[in-house]
PDB file of all heavy atoms in Angstrom:
ATOM      1  N   ASP A   1      22.038  47.277 -69.988  1.00  0.00           N
ATOM      2  CA  ASP A   1      22.911  46.233 -69.594  1.00  0.00           C
ATOM      3  C   ASP A   1      22.401  45.512 -68.292  1.00  0.00           C
ATOM      4  O   ASP A   1      22.336  44.273 -68.247  1.00  0.00           O
ATOM      5  CB  ASP A   1      24.356  46.686 -69.297  1.00  0.00           C
ATOM      6  CG  ASP A   1      25.138  47.072 -70.516  1.00  0.00           C
ATOM      7  OD1 ASP A   1      24.678  46.732 -71.641  1.00  0.00           O
ATOM      8  OD2 ASP A   1      26.173  47.679 -70.380  1.00  0.00           O
ATOM      9  N   ALA A   2      21.939  46.314 -67.352  1.00  0.00           N
ATOM     10  CA  ALA A   2      21.398  45.698 -66.136  1.00  0.00           C
ATOM     11  C   ALA A   2      20.155  44.886 -66.414  1.00  0.00           C
ATOM     12  O   ALA A   2      19.977  43.756 -65.899  1.00  0.00           O
ATOM     13  CB  ALA A   2      21.068  46.828 -65.055  1.00  0.00           C
ATOM     14  N   HIS A   3      19.331  45.432 -67.247  1.00  0.00           N
ATOM     15  CA  HIS A   3      18.094  44.745 -67.590  1.00  0.00           C
ATOM     16  C   HIS A   3      18.394  43.403 -68.337  1.00  0.00           C
ATOM     17  O   HIS A   3      17.812  42.384 -68.024  1.00  0.00           O
ATOM     18  CB  HIS A   3      17.182  45.605 -68.445  1.00  0.00           C
ATOM     19  CG  HIS A   3      15.862  44.942 -68.838  1.00  0.00           C
ATOM     20  ND1 HIS A   3      14.871  44.873 -67.891  1.00  0.00           N
ATOM     21  CD2 HIS A   3      15.454  44.330 -69.949  1.00  0.00           C
ATOM     22  CE1 HIS A   3      13.841  44.251 -68.480  1.00  0.00           C
ATOM     23  NE2 HIS A   3      14.189  43.935 -69.714  1.00  0.00           N
ATOM     24  N   GLU A   4      19.384  43.444 -69.232  1.00  0.00           N
ATOM     25  CA  GLU A   4      19.791  42.171 -69.911  1.00  0.00           C
ATOM     26  C   GLU A   4      20.333  41.160 -68.940  1.00  0.00           C
ATOM     27  O   GLU A   4      20.140  39.940 -69.167  1.00  0.00           O
ATOM     28  CB  GLU A   4      20.843  42.520 -70.976  1.00  0.00           C
ATOM     29  CG  GLU A   4      20.356  43.202 -72.184  1.00  0.00           C
ATOM     30  CD  GLU A   4      21.449  43.576 -73.198  1.00  0.00           C
ATOM     31  OE1 GLU A   4      22.628  43.617 -72.757  1.00  0.00           O
ATOM     32  OE2 GLU A   4      21.122  43.882 -74.297  1.00  0.00           O
ATOM     33  N   GLN A   5      20.916  41.582 -67.836  1.00  0.00           N
ATOM     34  CA  GLN A   5      21.459  40.713 -66.831  1.00  0.00           C
ATOM     35  C   GLN A   5      20.357  40.189 -65.901  1.00  0.00           C
ATOM     36  O   GLN A   5      20.604  39.260 -65.127  1.00  0.00           O
ATOM     37  CB  GLN A   5      22.559  41.445 -66.008  1.00  0.00           C
ATOM     38  CG  GLN A   5      23.805  41.742 -66.765  1.00  0.00           C
ATOM     39  CD  GLN A   5      24.462  40.524 -67.308  1.00  0.00           C
ATOM     40  OE1 GLN A   5      24.624  39.536 -66.607  1.00  0.00           O
ATOM     41  NE2 GLN A   5      24.892  40.563 -68.561  1.00  0.00           N
ATOM     42  N   GLY A   6      19.200  40.855 -65.919  1.00  0.00           N
ATOM     43  CA  GLY A   6      18.137  40.441 -65.052  1.00  0.00           C
ATOM     44  C   GLY A   6      18.344  40.865 -63.625  1.00  0.00           C
ATOM     45  O   GLY A   6      17.869  40.223 -62.664  1.00  0.00           O
ATOM     46  N   VAL A   7      19.086  41.967 -63.404  1.00  0.00           N
ATOM     47  CA  VAL A   7      19.395  42.474 -62.089  1.00  0.00           C
ATOM     48  C   VAL A   7      18.989  43.955 -62.044  1.00  0.00           C
ATOM     49  O   VAL A   7      18.870  44.566 -63.011  1.00  0.00           O
ATOM     50  CB  VAL A   7      20.827  42.273 -61.652  1.00  0.00           C
ATOM     51  CG1 VAL A   7      21.197  40.778 -61.638  1.00  0.00           C
ATOM     52  CG2 VAL A   7      21.774  43.016 -62.566  1.00  0.00           C
ATOM     53  N   SER A   8      18.825  44.403 -60.776  1.00  0.00           N
ATOM     54  CA  SER A   8      18.533  45.868 -60.632  1.00  0.00           C
ATOM     55  C   SER A   8      19.780  46.620 -61.082  1.00  0.00           C
ATOM     56  O   SER A   8      20.901  46.155 -61.102  1.00  0.00           O
ATOM     57  CB  SER A   8      18.214  46.184 -59.180  1.00  0.00           C
ATOM     58  OG  SER A   8      19.400  46.101 -58.417  1.00  0.00           O
ATOM     59  N   PHE A   9      19.528  47.900 -61.417  1.00  0.00           N
ATOM     60  CA  PHE A   9      20.606  48.822 -61.836  1.00  0.00           C
ATOM     61  C   PHE A   9      21.630  48.880 -60.702  1.00  0.00           C
ATOM     62  O   PHE A   9      22.896  48.774 -60.950  1.00  0.00           O
ATOM     63  CB  PHE A   9      20.052  50.179 -62.201  1.00  0.00           C
ATOM     64  CG  PHE A   9      21.121  51.129 -62.652  1.00  0.00           C
ATOM     65  CD1 PHE A   9      21.825  50.874 -63.856  1.00  0.00           C
ATOM     66  CD2 PHE A   9      21.441  52.252 -61.954  1.00  0.00           C
ATOM     67  CE1 PHE A   9      22.782  51.788 -64.284  1.00  0.00           C
ATOM     68  CE2 PHE A   9      22.402  53.132 -62.405  1.00  0.00           C
ATOM     69  CZ  PHE A   9      23.071  52.899 -63.520  1.00  0.00           C
ATOM     70  N   ASN A  10      21.157  49.034 -59.466  1.00  0.00           N
ATOM     71  CA  ASN A  10      22.056  49.180 -58.331  1.00  0.00           C
ATOM     72  C   ASN A  10      22.954  47.936 -58.167  1.00  0.00           C
ATOM     73  O   ASN A  10      24.147  48.026 -57.989  1.00  0.00           O
ATOM     74  CB  ASN A  10      21.266  49.410 -57.055  1.00  0.00           C
ATOM     75  CG  ASN A  10      22.206  49.713 -55.890  1.00  0.00           C
ATOM     76  OD1 ASN A  10      22.833  50.750 -55.814  1.00  0.00           O
ATOM     77  ND2 ASN A  10      22.289  48.788 -54.971  1.00  0.00           N
ATOM     78  N   GLN A  11      22.321  46.762 -58.272  1.00  0.00           N
ATOM     79  CA  GLN A  11      23.040  45.495 -58.099  1.00  0.00           C
ATOM     80  C   GLN A  11      24.056  45.367 -59.274  1.00  0.00           C
ATOM     81  O   GLN A  11      25.194  44.914 -59.051  1.00  0.00           O
ATOM     82  CB  GLN A  11      22.075  44.298 -58.133  1.00  0.00           C
ATOM     83  CG  GLN A  11      22.780  43.006 -57.868  1.00  0.00           C
ATOM     84  CD  GLN A  11      21.809  41.820 -57.911  1.00  0.00           C
ATOM     85  OE1 GLN A  11      20.649  41.932 -58.163  1.00  0.00           O
ATOM     86  NE2 GLN A  11      22.365  40.635 -57.571  1.00  0.00           N
ATOM     87  N   TRP A  12      23.683  45.727 -60.485  1.00  0.00           N
ATOM     88  CA  TRP A  12      24.610  45.679 -61.577  1.00  0.00           C
ATOM     89  C   TRP A  12      25.808  46.530 -61.379  1.00  0.00           C
ATOM     90  O   TRP A  12      26.982  46.123 -61.577  1.00  0.00           O
ATOM     91  CB  TRP A  12      23.912  46.080 -62.910  1.00  0.00           C
ATOM     92  CG  TRP A  12      24.656  45.910 -64.139  1.00  0.00           C
ATOM     93  CD1 TRP A  12      24.782  44.817 -64.904  1.00  0.00           C
ATOM     94  CD2 TRP A  12      25.556  46.907 -64.730  1.00  0.00           C
ATOM     95  NE1 TRP A  12      25.592  45.049 -65.962  1.00  0.00           N
ATOM     96  CE2 TRP A  12      26.128  46.300 -65.873  1.00  0.00           C
ATOM     97  CE3 TRP A  12      25.893  48.177 -64.421  1.00  0.00           C
ATOM     98  CZ2 TRP A  12      27.004  46.993 -66.681  1.00  0.00           C
ATOM     99  CZ3 TRP A  12      26.804  48.925 -65.216  1.00  0.00           C
ATOM    100  CH2 TRP A  12      27.348  48.279 -66.312  1.00  0.00           C
ATOM    101  N   VAL A  13      25.614  47.730 -60.909  1.00  0.00           N
ATOM    102  CA  VAL A  13      26.745  48.686 -60.647  1.00  0.00           C
ATOM    103  C   VAL A  13      27.619  48.140 -59.523  1.00  0.00           C
ATOM    104  O   VAL A  13      28.868  48.173 -59.689  1.00  0.00           O
ATOM    105  CB  VAL A  13      26.225  50.083 -60.339  1.00  0.00           C
ATOM    106  CG1 VAL A  13      27.318  50.967 -59.798  1.00  0.00           C
ATOM    107  CG2 VAL A  13      25.536  50.740 -61.567  1.00  0.00           C
ATOM    108  N   VAL A  14      27.048  47.639 -58.469  1.00  0.00           N
ATOM    109  CA  VAL A  14      27.817  47.153 -57.349  1.00  0.00           C
ATOM    110  C   VAL A  14      28.684  45.947 -57.843  1.00  0.00           C
ATOM    111  O   VAL A  14      29.856  45.848 -57.495  1.00  0.00           O
ATOM    112  CB  VAL A  14      26.950  46.713 -56.214  1.00  0.00           C
ATOM    113  CG1 VAL A  14      27.669  45.858 -55.167  1.00  0.00           C
ATOM    114  CG2 VAL A  14      26.320  47.893 -55.549  1.00  0.00           C
ATOM    115  N   GLN A  15      28.135  45.074 -58.658  1.00  0.00           N
ATOM    116  CA  GLN A  15      28.913  43.957 -59.145  1.00  0.00           C
ATOM    117  C   GLN A  15      30.072  44.422 -60.045  1.00  0.00           C
ATOM    118  O   GLN A  15      31.169  43.889 -60.006  1.00  0.00           O
ATOM    119  CB  GLN A  15      27.978  42.988 -59.929  1.00  0.00           C
ATOM    120  CG  GLN A  15      27.068  42.235 -58.960  1.00  0.00           C
ATOM    121  CD  GLN A  15      26.055  41.364 -59.735  1.00  0.00           C
ATOM    122  OE1 GLN A  15      25.997  41.368 -60.940  1.00  0.00           O
ATOM    123  NE2 GLN A  15      25.341  40.577 -58.952  1.00  0.00           N
ATOM    124  N   LYS A  16      29.769  45.421 -60.869  1.00  0.00           N
ATOM    125  CA  LYS A  16      30.842  45.940 -61.778  1.00  0.00           C
ATOM    126  C   LYS A  16      31.956  46.558 -60.908  1.00  0.00           C
ATOM    127  O   LYS A  16      33.121  46.376 -61.192  1.00  0.00           O
ATOM    128  CB  LYS A  16      30.256  46.957 -62.719  1.00  0.00           C
ATOM    129  CG  LYS A  16      29.497  46.359 -63.919  1.00  0.00           C
ATOM    130  CD  LYS A  16      30.512  45.631 -64.778  1.00  0.00           C
ATOM    131  CE  LYS A  16      29.879  45.284 -66.109  1.00  0.00           C
ATOM    132  NZ  LYS A  16      30.764  44.582 -66.947  1.00  0.00           N
ATOM    133  N   LEU A  17      31.595  47.382 -59.921  1.00  0.00           N
ATOM    134  CA  LEU A  17      32.571  48.062 -59.097  1.00  0.00           C
ATOM    135  C   LEU A  17      33.385  47.064 -58.307  1.00  0.00           C
ATOM    136  O   LEU A  17      34.582  47.276 -58.050  1.00  0.00           O
ATOM    137  CB  LEU A  17      31.879  49.054 -58.152  1.00  0.00           C
ATOM    138  CG  LEU A  17      31.349  50.294 -58.792  1.00  0.00           C
ATOM    139  CD1 LEU A  17      30.536  51.048 -57.757  1.00  0.00           C
ATOM    140  CD2 LEU A  17      32.408  51.131 -59.445  1.00  0.00           C
ATOM    141  N   ALA A  18      32.779  45.929 -57.943  1.00  0.00           N
ATOM    142  CA  ALA A  18      33.537  44.894 -57.168  1.00  0.00           C
ATOM    143  C   ALA A  18      34.374  44.018 -58.074  1.00  0.00           C
ATOM    144  O   ALA A  18      35.073  43.215 -57.607  1.00  0.00           O
ATOM    145  CB  ALA A  18      32.436  44.026 -56.408  1.00  0.00           C
ATOM    146  N   GLY A  19      34.297  44.224 -59.371  1.00  0.00           N
ATOM    147  CA  GLY A  19      35.083  43.507 -60.358  1.00  0.00           C
ATOM    148  C   GLY A  19      34.508  42.085 -60.602  1.00  0.00           C
ATOM    149  O   GLY A  19      35.248  41.215 -61.085  1.00  0.00           O
ATOM    150  N   ARG A  20      33.278  41.910 -60.324  1.00  0.00           N
ATOM    151  CA  ARG A  20      32.673  40.593 -60.593  1.00  0.00           C
ATOM    152  C   ARG A  20      32.207  40.504 -62.040  1.00  0.00           C
ATOM    153  O   ARG A  20      31.659  41.447 -62.577  1.00  0.00           O
ATOM    154  CB  ARG A  20      31.463  40.337 -59.678  1.00  0.00           C
ATOM    155  CG  ARG A  20      31.926  40.262 -58.212  1.00  0.00           C
ATOM    156  CD  ARG A  20      30.788  39.781 -57.333  1.00  0.00           C
ATOM    157  NE  ARG A  20      31.234  39.687 -55.992  1.00  0.00           N
ATOM    158  CZ  ARG A  20      30.743  40.461 -55.009  1.00  0.00           C
ATOM    159  NH1 ARG A  20      29.778  41.279 -55.223  1.00  0.00           N
ATOM    160  NH2 ARG A  20      31.221  40.319 -53.794  1.00  0.00           N
ATOM    161  N   HIS A  21      32.416  39.342 -62.652  1.00  0.00           N
ATOM    162  CA  HIS A  21      31.994  39.131 -64.010  1.00  0.00           C
ATOM    163  C   HIS A  21      30.463  38.923 -64.090  1.00  0.00           C
ATOM    164  O   HIS A  21      29.938  38.076 -63.326  1.00  0.00           O
ATOM    165  CB  HIS A  21      32.706  37.894 -64.594  1.00  0.00           C
ATOM    166  CG  HIS A  21      32.211  37.542 -65.980  1.00  0.00           C
ATOM    167  ND1 HIS A  21      32.499  38.336 -67.087  1.00  0.00           N
ATOM    168  CD2 HIS A  21      31.464  36.495 -66.411  1.00  0.00           C
ATOM    169  CE1 HIS A  21      31.956  37.755 -68.170  1.00  0.00           C
ATOM    170  NE2 HIS A  21      31.365  36.683 -67.733  1.00  0.00           N
ATOM    171  N   LEU A  22      29.830  39.622 -64.881  1.00  0.00           N
ATOM    172  CA  LEU A  22      28.421  39.398 -65.203  1.00  0.00           C
ATOM    173  C   LEU A  22      28.329  38.668 -66.566  1.00  0.00           C
ATOM    174  O   LEU A  22      29.091  38.948 -67.445  1.00  0.00           O
ATOM    175  CB  LEU A  22      27.665  40.739 -65.288  1.00  0.00           C
ATOM    176  CG  LEU A  22      27.569  41.526 -63.962  1.00  0.00           C
ATOM    177  CD1 LEU A  22      27.129  42.922 -64.162  1.00  0.00           C
ATOM    178  CD2 LEU A  22      26.651  40.778 -62.989  1.00  0.00           C
ATOM    179  N   ALA A  23      27.343  37.829 -66.674  1.00  0.00           N
ATOM    180  CA  ALA A  23      27.172  37.155 -67.970  1.00  0.00           C
ATOM    181  C   ALA A  23      26.846  38.129 -69.095  1.00  0.00           C
ATOM    182  O   ALA A  23      26.079  39.033 -68.904  1.00  0.00           O
ATOM    183  CB  ALA A  23      26.097  36.120 -67.822  1.00  0.00           C
ATOM    184  N   SER A  24      27.524  37.918 -70.217  1.00  0.00           N
ATOM    185  CA  SER A  24      27.113  38.755 -71.345  1.00  0.00           C
ATOM    186  C   SER A  24      26.165  37.909 -72.227  1.00  0.00           C
ATOM    187  O   SER A  24      25.961  36.725 -72.011  1.00  0.00           O
ATOM    188  CB  SER A  24      28.344  39.060 -72.217  1.00  0.00           C
ATOM    189  OG  SER A  24      28.858  37.858 -72.816  1.00  0.00           O
ATOM    190  N   LEU A  25      25.555  38.579 -73.179  1.00  0.00           N
ATOM    191  CA  LEU A  25      24.674  37.826 -74.068  1.00  0.00           C
ATOM    192  C   LEU A  25      25.348  36.666 -74.718  1.00  0.00           C
ATOM    193  O   LEU A  25      24.799  35.635 -75.031  1.00  0.00           O
ATOM    194  CB  LEU A  25      24.026  38.811 -75.086  1.00  0.00           C
ATOM    195  CG  LEU A  25      23.002  39.757 -74.533  1.00  0.00           C
ATOM    196  CD1 LEU A  25      22.538  40.689 -75.702  1.00  0.00           C
ATOM    197  CD2 LEU A  25      21.822  39.063 -73.880  1.00  0.00           C
TER     198      LEU A  25
END
């Protein structure tokens, strides 16, 4: 999922924990 978003795993987890929407495919 993080790779699909083009972000680091850490950044992906932080965004998810903060409740921020990440773009889906």
